[in-house]
N, C-alpha and C. Protein backbone atom coordinates (compact mmCIF):
# COMPACT_ATOMS: atom_id res chain seq x y z
N MET A 1 30.78 12.83 18.39
CA MET A 1 29.61 13.17 17.60
C MET A 1 28.37 12.90 18.46
N GLY A 2 27.42 13.83 18.44
CA GLY A 2 26.21 13.62 19.20
C GLY A 2 25.19 14.71 18.93
N LEU A 3 23.94 14.38 19.23
CA LEU A 3 22.84 15.32 19.08
C LEU A 3 22.19 15.44 20.45
N HIS A 4 22.09 16.67 20.97
CA HIS A 4 21.56 16.88 22.30
C HIS A 4 20.46 17.92 22.25
N GLN A 5 19.29 17.55 22.82
CA GLN A 5 18.16 18.47 22.87
C GLN A 5 18.39 19.49 23.98
N LEU A 6 18.03 20.72 23.71
CA LEU A 6 18.16 21.78 24.70
C LEU A 6 16.85 21.89 25.48
N GLY A 7 16.85 21.31 26.66
CA GLY A 7 15.65 21.30 27.50
C GLY A 7 14.53 20.52 26.83
N ASN A 8 13.33 21.09 26.91
CA ASN A 8 12.16 20.46 26.29
C ASN A 8 11.73 21.26 25.05
N SER A 9 12.70 21.91 24.42
CA SER A 9 12.42 22.78 23.28
C SER A 9 12.68 22.04 21.97
N PRO A 10 12.31 22.66 20.85
CA PRO A 10 12.59 22.05 19.54
C PRO A 10 14.02 22.32 19.08
N ARG A 11 14.86 22.88 19.97
CA ARG A 11 16.24 23.20 19.63
C ARG A 11 17.18 22.09 20.08
N TYR A 12 18.15 21.81 19.21
CA TYR A 12 19.16 20.78 19.48
C TYR A 12 20.53 21.36 19.17
N VAL A 13 21.55 20.72 19.72
CA VAL A 13 22.92 21.03 19.38
C VAL A 13 23.54 19.76 18.82
N LEU A 14 24.09 19.88 17.62
CA LEU A 14 24.76 18.76 16.96
C LEU A 14 26.25 18.99 17.06
N MET A 15 26.95 18.02 17.66
CA MET A 15 28.40 18.15 17.80
C MET A 15 29.08 17.17 16.86
N LEU A 16 29.85 17.74 15.92
CA LEU A 16 30.62 16.95 14.96
C LEU A 16 32.09 17.28 15.15
N ASP A 17 32.84 16.32 15.65
CA ASP A 17 34.25 16.55 15.96
C ASP A 17 34.37 17.80 16.82
N ASP A 18 34.97 18.88 16.33
CA ASP A 18 35.13 20.09 17.13
C ASP A 18 34.13 21.18 16.75
N ARG A 19 33.14 20.85 15.92
CA ARG A 19 32.14 21.83 15.48
C ARG A 19 30.85 21.66 16.27
N VAL A 20 30.19 22.78 16.55
CA VAL A 20 28.89 22.79 17.21
C VAL A 20 27.91 23.44 16.25
N ILE A 21 26.82 22.73 15.91
CA ILE A 21 25.84 23.22 14.94
C ILE A 21 24.47 23.24 15.61
N GLU A 22 23.78 24.37 15.48
CA GLU A 22 22.44 24.48 16.05
C GLU A 22 21.43 23.87 15.09
N VAL A 23 20.50 23.08 15.65
CA VAL A 23 19.47 22.40 14.86
C VAL A 23 18.12 22.73 15.47
N LEU A 24 17.17 23.10 14.61
CA LEU A 24 15.79 23.38 15.05
C LEU A 24 14.89 22.37 14.36
N VAL A 25 14.05 21.66 15.13
CA VAL A 25 13.18 20.63 14.58
C VAL A 25 11.73 20.95 14.95
N GLN A 26 10.87 21.09 13.94
CA GLN A 26 9.45 21.33 14.17
C GLN A 26 8.67 20.21 13.52
N GLU A 27 7.88 19.50 14.32
CA GLU A 27 7.11 18.37 13.80
C GLU A 27 5.82 18.87 13.16
N GLU A 28 5.56 18.39 11.95
CA GLU A 28 4.32 18.66 11.22
C GLU A 28 3.51 17.36 11.19
N ALA A 29 2.34 17.38 10.55
CA ALA A 29 1.49 16.20 10.51
C ALA A 29 2.15 15.02 9.79
N GLN A 30 2.85 15.29 8.68
CA GLN A 30 3.41 14.20 7.90
C GLN A 30 4.91 14.32 7.68
N SER A 31 5.53 15.28 8.36
CA SER A 31 6.95 15.49 8.14
C SER A 31 7.54 16.28 9.30
N PHE A 32 8.83 16.54 9.20
CA PHE A 32 9.52 17.41 10.13
C PHE A 32 10.15 18.54 9.33
N ASN A 33 10.07 19.76 9.83
CA ASN A 33 10.82 20.88 9.27
C ASN A 33 12.08 20.98 10.12
N VAL A 34 13.22 20.88 9.46
CA VAL A 34 14.50 20.86 10.16
C VAL A 34 15.35 22.02 9.64
N GLN A 35 15.90 22.78 10.54
CA GLN A 35 16.86 23.83 10.19
C GLN A 35 18.19 23.44 10.79
N ILE A 36 19.19 23.31 9.92
CA ILE A 36 20.53 22.95 10.36
C ILE A 36 21.47 24.07 9.93
N GLY A 37 22.06 24.70 10.90
CA GLY A 37 22.96 25.80 10.59
C GLY A 37 22.30 26.89 9.77
N GLY A 38 21.00 27.14 10.00
CA GLY A 38 20.29 28.19 9.30
C GLY A 38 19.66 27.78 7.97
N ARG A 39 19.95 26.59 7.48
CA ARG A 39 19.35 26.11 6.22
C ARG A 39 18.17 25.19 6.53
N GLY A 40 17.04 25.38 5.81
CA GLY A 40 15.83 24.62 6.07
C GLY A 40 15.70 23.39 5.20
N TYR A 41 15.15 22.32 5.79
CA TYR A 41 14.91 21.06 5.09
C TYR A 41 13.57 20.51 5.55
N GLU A 42 12.85 19.86 4.64
CA GLU A 42 11.64 19.15 5.02
C GLU A 42 11.94 17.67 4.93
N VAL A 43 11.72 16.97 6.03
CA VAL A 43 12.01 15.54 6.11
C VAL A 43 10.69 14.80 6.23
N GLU A 44 10.35 14.02 5.21
CA GLU A 44 9.11 13.26 5.22
C GLU A 44 9.30 12.00 6.05
N THR A 45 8.32 11.68 6.88
CA THR A 45 8.40 10.48 7.70
C THR A 45 7.74 9.31 7.00
N ALA A 46 8.09 8.10 7.40
CA ALA A 46 7.43 6.91 6.86
C ALA A 46 5.94 6.96 7.17
N ARG A 47 5.60 7.44 8.36
CA ARG A 47 4.19 7.58 8.76
C ARG A 47 3.48 8.54 7.82
N GLY A 48 4.15 9.64 7.45
CA GLY A 48 3.57 10.62 6.54
C GLY A 48 3.38 10.06 5.15
N ARG A 49 4.37 9.29 4.66
CA ARG A 49 4.24 8.66 3.34
C ARG A 49 3.07 7.69 3.33
N ALA A 50 2.95 6.88 4.39
CA ALA A 50 1.86 5.91 4.46
C ALA A 50 0.51 6.61 4.49
N ARG A 51 0.41 7.69 5.27
CA ARG A 51 -0.85 8.44 5.36
C ARG A 51 -1.21 9.05 4.01
N ARG A 52 -0.20 9.61 3.30
CA ARG A 52 -0.46 10.21 1.99
C ARG A 52 -0.89 9.14 0.99
N ARG A 53 -0.24 7.98 1.01
CA ARG A 53 -0.64 6.89 0.10
C ARG A 53 -2.06 6.45 0.40
N GLU A 54 -2.42 6.37 1.70
CA GLU A 54 -3.78 6.00 2.07
C GLU A 54 -4.78 7.01 1.54
N GLN A 55 -4.47 8.29 1.71
CA GLN A 55 -5.38 9.33 1.24
C GLN A 55 -5.53 9.26 -0.28
N GLU A 56 -4.43 9.03 -0.99
CA GLU A 56 -4.49 8.92 -2.45
C GLU A 56 -5.25 7.66 -2.84
N ALA A 57 -5.06 6.57 -2.10
CA ALA A 57 -5.72 5.31 -2.43
C ALA A 57 -7.23 5.41 -2.24
N ASP A 58 -7.67 6.30 -1.37
CA ASP A 58 -9.09 6.43 -1.07
C ASP A 58 -9.74 7.65 -1.72
N SER A 59 -9.07 8.24 -2.71
CA SER A 59 -9.64 9.45 -3.31
C SER A 59 -9.67 9.37 -4.83
N PHE A 60 -10.53 10.19 -5.40
CA PHE A 60 -10.65 10.30 -6.85
C PHE A 60 -9.66 11.34 -7.34
N ILE A 61 -8.95 11.03 -8.39
CA ILE A 61 -8.04 11.99 -9.01
C ILE A 61 -8.54 12.18 -10.44
N ASP A 62 -8.87 13.43 -10.78
CA ASP A 62 -9.46 13.75 -12.08
C ASP A 62 -10.73 12.92 -12.34
N GLY A 63 -11.53 12.72 -11.29
CA GLY A 63 -12.81 12.02 -11.42
C GLY A 63 -12.72 10.51 -11.49
N LYS A 64 -11.50 9.95 -11.33
CA LYS A 64 -11.35 8.49 -11.38
C LYS A 64 -10.51 7.99 -10.22
N TRP A 65 -10.80 6.77 -9.82
CA TRP A 65 -9.99 6.06 -8.83
C TRP A 65 -9.44 4.83 -9.53
N ALA A 66 -8.19 4.51 -9.27
CA ALA A 66 -7.54 3.38 -9.93
C ALA A 66 -7.18 2.30 -8.94
N LEU A 67 -7.59 1.06 -9.25
CA LEU A 67 -7.13 -0.11 -8.50
C LEU A 67 -5.83 -0.55 -9.15
N ARG A 68 -4.74 -0.47 -8.41
CA ARG A 68 -3.43 -0.88 -8.93
C ARG A 68 -3.07 -2.23 -8.35
N ALA A 69 -2.38 -3.03 -9.15
CA ALA A 69 -1.95 -4.35 -8.68
C ALA A 69 -0.96 -4.18 -7.53
N PRO A 70 -1.28 -4.72 -6.35
CA PRO A 70 -0.37 -4.60 -5.22
C PRO A 70 0.77 -5.61 -5.28
N LEU A 71 0.69 -6.52 -6.25
CA LEU A 71 1.69 -7.56 -6.41
C LEU A 71 1.70 -8.05 -7.85
N THR A 72 2.74 -8.78 -8.22
CA THR A 72 2.81 -9.38 -9.55
C THR A 72 2.14 -10.74 -9.48
N GLY A 73 1.28 -11.03 -10.45
CA GLY A 73 0.57 -12.31 -10.44
C GLY A 73 -0.25 -12.50 -11.69
N VAL A 74 -1.22 -13.42 -11.58
CA VAL A 74 -2.09 -13.76 -12.71
C VAL A 74 -3.54 -13.55 -12.28
N VAL A 75 -4.32 -12.90 -13.14
CA VAL A 75 -5.73 -12.67 -12.84
C VAL A 75 -6.46 -14.02 -12.92
N VAL A 76 -7.13 -14.35 -11.83
CA VAL A 76 -7.92 -15.58 -11.77
C VAL A 76 -9.37 -15.27 -12.15
N GLU A 77 -9.83 -14.09 -11.71
CA GLU A 77 -11.23 -13.74 -11.96
C GLU A 77 -11.38 -12.22 -11.94
N ALA A 78 -12.03 -11.69 -12.96
CA ALA A 78 -12.43 -10.28 -12.97
C ALA A 78 -13.91 -10.28 -12.64
N ARG A 79 -14.29 -9.72 -11.51
CA ARG A 79 -15.68 -9.79 -11.05
C ARG A 79 -16.53 -8.61 -11.47
N VAL A 80 -15.94 -7.65 -12.19
CA VAL A 80 -16.70 -6.48 -12.64
C VAL A 80 -16.45 -6.23 -14.11
N ALA A 81 -17.36 -5.46 -14.71
CA ALA A 81 -17.22 -5.03 -16.11
C ALA A 81 -17.53 -3.54 -16.16
N ALA A 82 -17.13 -2.90 -17.24
CA ALA A 82 -17.41 -1.47 -17.42
C ALA A 82 -18.91 -1.23 -17.29
N GLY A 83 -19.26 -0.19 -16.54
CA GLY A 83 -20.66 0.16 -16.32
C GLY A 83 -21.24 -0.37 -15.02
N ASP A 84 -20.57 -1.33 -14.38
CA ASP A 84 -21.05 -1.86 -13.10
C ASP A 84 -20.94 -0.81 -12.02
N VAL A 85 -21.93 -0.77 -11.14
CA VAL A 85 -21.90 0.11 -9.97
C VAL A 85 -21.33 -0.71 -8.82
N VAL A 86 -20.33 -0.15 -8.13
CA VAL A 86 -19.69 -0.87 -7.02
C VAL A 86 -19.71 -0.02 -5.76
N GLU A 87 -19.64 -0.69 -4.65
CA GLU A 87 -19.57 -0.04 -3.34
C GLU A 87 -18.19 -0.27 -2.75
N ARG A 88 -17.82 0.56 -1.82
CA ARG A 88 -16.55 0.38 -1.11
C ARG A 88 -16.53 -1.02 -0.51
N GLY A 89 -15.44 -1.77 -0.73
CA GLY A 89 -15.30 -3.11 -0.17
C GLY A 89 -15.68 -4.22 -1.12
N ASP A 90 -16.35 -3.91 -2.25
CA ASP A 90 -16.70 -4.95 -3.23
C ASP A 90 -15.42 -5.53 -3.84
N VAL A 91 -15.41 -6.85 -4.06
CA VAL A 91 -14.28 -7.49 -4.71
C VAL A 91 -14.35 -7.20 -6.20
N LEU A 92 -13.28 -6.60 -6.75
CA LEU A 92 -13.24 -6.25 -8.16
C LEU A 92 -12.52 -7.31 -8.98
N MET A 93 -11.48 -7.89 -8.38
CA MET A 93 -10.64 -8.81 -9.13
C MET A 93 -9.95 -9.75 -8.14
N VAL A 94 -9.68 -10.98 -8.60
CA VAL A 94 -8.92 -11.94 -7.79
C VAL A 94 -7.64 -12.24 -8.55
N VAL A 95 -6.51 -12.04 -7.87
CA VAL A 95 -5.20 -12.26 -8.49
C VAL A 95 -4.46 -13.32 -7.69
N GLU A 96 -3.88 -14.28 -8.42
CA GLU A 96 -3.08 -15.32 -7.79
C GLU A 96 -1.61 -14.91 -7.83
N ALA A 97 -0.97 -14.98 -6.67
CA ALA A 97 0.46 -14.70 -6.57
C ALA A 97 1.05 -15.67 -5.54
N MET A 98 2.10 -16.33 -5.93
CA MET A 98 2.77 -17.29 -5.06
C MET A 98 1.79 -18.32 -4.49
N LYS A 99 0.91 -18.82 -5.34
CA LYS A 99 -0.08 -19.85 -5.01
C LYS A 99 -1.12 -19.40 -3.99
N MET A 100 -1.27 -18.08 -3.83
CA MET A 100 -2.30 -17.55 -2.94
C MET A 100 -3.26 -16.68 -3.74
N LEU A 101 -4.55 -16.79 -3.42
CA LEU A 101 -5.56 -15.97 -4.07
C LEU A 101 -5.74 -14.68 -3.27
N ASN A 102 -5.67 -13.55 -3.97
CA ASN A 102 -5.79 -12.23 -3.34
C ASN A 102 -7.00 -11.51 -3.90
N GLU A 103 -7.98 -11.24 -3.04
CA GLU A 103 -9.16 -10.49 -3.46
C GLU A 103 -8.84 -9.00 -3.39
N LEU A 104 -8.95 -8.33 -4.53
CA LEU A 104 -8.66 -6.90 -4.61
C LEU A 104 -9.99 -6.15 -4.58
N ARG A 105 -10.14 -5.27 -3.62
CA ARG A 105 -11.43 -4.63 -3.35
C ARG A 105 -11.43 -3.15 -3.71
N ALA A 106 -12.63 -2.65 -3.96
CA ALA A 106 -12.83 -1.21 -4.21
C ALA A 106 -12.64 -0.47 -2.90
N ARG A 107 -11.93 0.63 -2.96
CA ARG A 107 -11.76 1.47 -1.77
C ARG A 107 -12.66 2.69 -1.83
N VAL A 108 -13.41 2.82 -2.95
CA VAL A 108 -14.34 3.92 -3.13
C VAL A 108 -15.59 3.38 -3.83
N PRO A 109 -16.75 4.02 -3.63
CA PRO A 109 -17.94 3.65 -4.40
C PRO A 109 -17.93 4.38 -5.74
N GLY A 110 -18.58 3.80 -6.74
CA GLY A 110 -18.66 4.48 -8.03
C GLY A 110 -19.08 3.55 -9.14
N VAL A 111 -18.81 3.99 -10.38
CA VAL A 111 -19.16 3.22 -11.57
C VAL A 111 -17.86 2.79 -12.25
N VAL A 112 -17.74 1.50 -12.54
CA VAL A 112 -16.54 0.98 -13.21
C VAL A 112 -16.48 1.57 -14.61
N SER A 113 -15.38 2.25 -14.91
CA SER A 113 -15.23 2.84 -16.24
C SER A 113 -14.33 1.98 -17.13
N THR A 114 -13.36 1.30 -16.54
CA THR A 114 -12.41 0.51 -17.33
C THR A 114 -11.97 -0.72 -16.56
N VAL A 115 -11.91 -1.85 -17.26
CA VAL A 115 -11.29 -3.06 -16.73
C VAL A 115 -10.19 -3.42 -17.72
N ASN A 116 -8.94 -3.33 -17.29
CA ASN A 116 -7.81 -3.48 -18.21
C ASN A 116 -7.30 -4.90 -18.38
N PHE A 117 -7.70 -5.83 -17.53
CA PHE A 117 -7.18 -7.19 -17.60
C PHE A 117 -8.30 -8.19 -17.40
N GLY A 118 -8.14 -9.37 -17.97
CA GLY A 118 -9.11 -10.44 -17.82
C GLY A 118 -8.43 -11.69 -17.29
N GLU A 119 -9.21 -12.76 -17.21
CA GLU A 119 -8.70 -14.02 -16.68
C GLU A 119 -7.46 -14.50 -17.43
N ARG A 120 -6.52 -15.02 -16.66
CA ARG A 120 -5.25 -15.58 -17.12
C ARG A 120 -4.24 -14.53 -17.60
N ASP A 121 -4.58 -13.25 -17.51
CA ASP A 121 -3.62 -12.20 -17.85
C ASP A 121 -2.62 -12.03 -16.70
N ARG A 122 -1.37 -11.86 -17.06
CA ARG A 122 -0.33 -11.60 -16.06
C ARG A 122 -0.29 -10.09 -15.80
N VAL A 123 -0.21 -9.72 -14.53
CA VAL A 123 -0.15 -8.31 -14.15
C VAL A 123 1.10 -8.05 -13.32
N GLU A 124 1.66 -6.87 -13.51
CA GLU A 124 2.85 -6.46 -12.77
C GLU A 124 2.44 -5.50 -11.66
N ILE A 125 3.19 -5.50 -10.61
CA ILE A 125 2.91 -4.61 -9.47
C ILE A 125 2.80 -3.16 -9.95
N GLY A 126 1.77 -2.45 -9.47
CA GLY A 126 1.57 -1.05 -9.82
C GLY A 126 0.73 -0.82 -11.07
N THR A 127 0.45 -1.87 -11.82
CA THR A 127 -0.35 -1.74 -13.04
C THR A 127 -1.80 -1.40 -12.69
N VAL A 128 -2.41 -0.50 -13.45
CA VAL A 128 -3.82 -0.15 -13.22
C VAL A 128 -4.68 -1.29 -13.76
N LEU A 129 -5.44 -1.91 -12.87
CA LEU A 129 -6.30 -3.04 -13.23
C LEU A 129 -7.71 -2.59 -13.56
N VAL A 130 -8.27 -1.72 -12.72
CA VAL A 130 -9.66 -1.28 -12.87
C VAL A 130 -9.70 0.22 -12.53
N GLU A 131 -10.51 0.97 -13.27
CA GLU A 131 -10.75 2.36 -12.95
C GLU A 131 -12.23 2.54 -12.61
N ILE A 132 -12.47 3.33 -11.59
CA ILE A 132 -13.84 3.62 -11.15
C ILE A 132 -14.06 5.12 -11.21
N GLY A 133 -15.18 5.52 -11.80
CA GLY A 133 -15.53 6.93 -11.87
C GLY A 133 -16.51 7.28 -10.75
N GLU A 134 -16.55 8.56 -10.42
CA GLU A 134 -17.45 9.04 -9.38
C GLU A 134 -18.90 8.90 -9.84
N THR A 135 -19.78 8.63 -8.90
CA THR A 135 -21.21 8.58 -9.23
C THR A 135 -21.75 9.99 -9.21
N ALA A 136 -22.74 10.24 -10.04
CA ALA A 136 -23.30 11.60 -10.14
C ALA A 136 -24.24 11.88 -9.01
């Protein structure tokens, strides 16, 4: 069994036991387009997933950006309230997890529309803590 590139091209030969299969690999920005035996597949890379998550984390969806809990813990301090204007990098909330204080910051500027948790509330990973709306 082996995969061998043909020269410096995007073409490969995959050898499985006594079978030879042609493979074509084209690299995209966040994935690879792979054709194996004439059938096409899109393979997302870890780098592509990370880049897409970053883009989503730094963008407004339907006019709102959501700060999600990156870990499970307890809210120690909510530093914003609905209606507050925040800038990128402002600390919105402090969450304690495993005896460490974690400052959770805004990744976008805007107006706080919702604060879903207060002091001493337990939060689960992925939970929306604060929503920020776009400024006009």
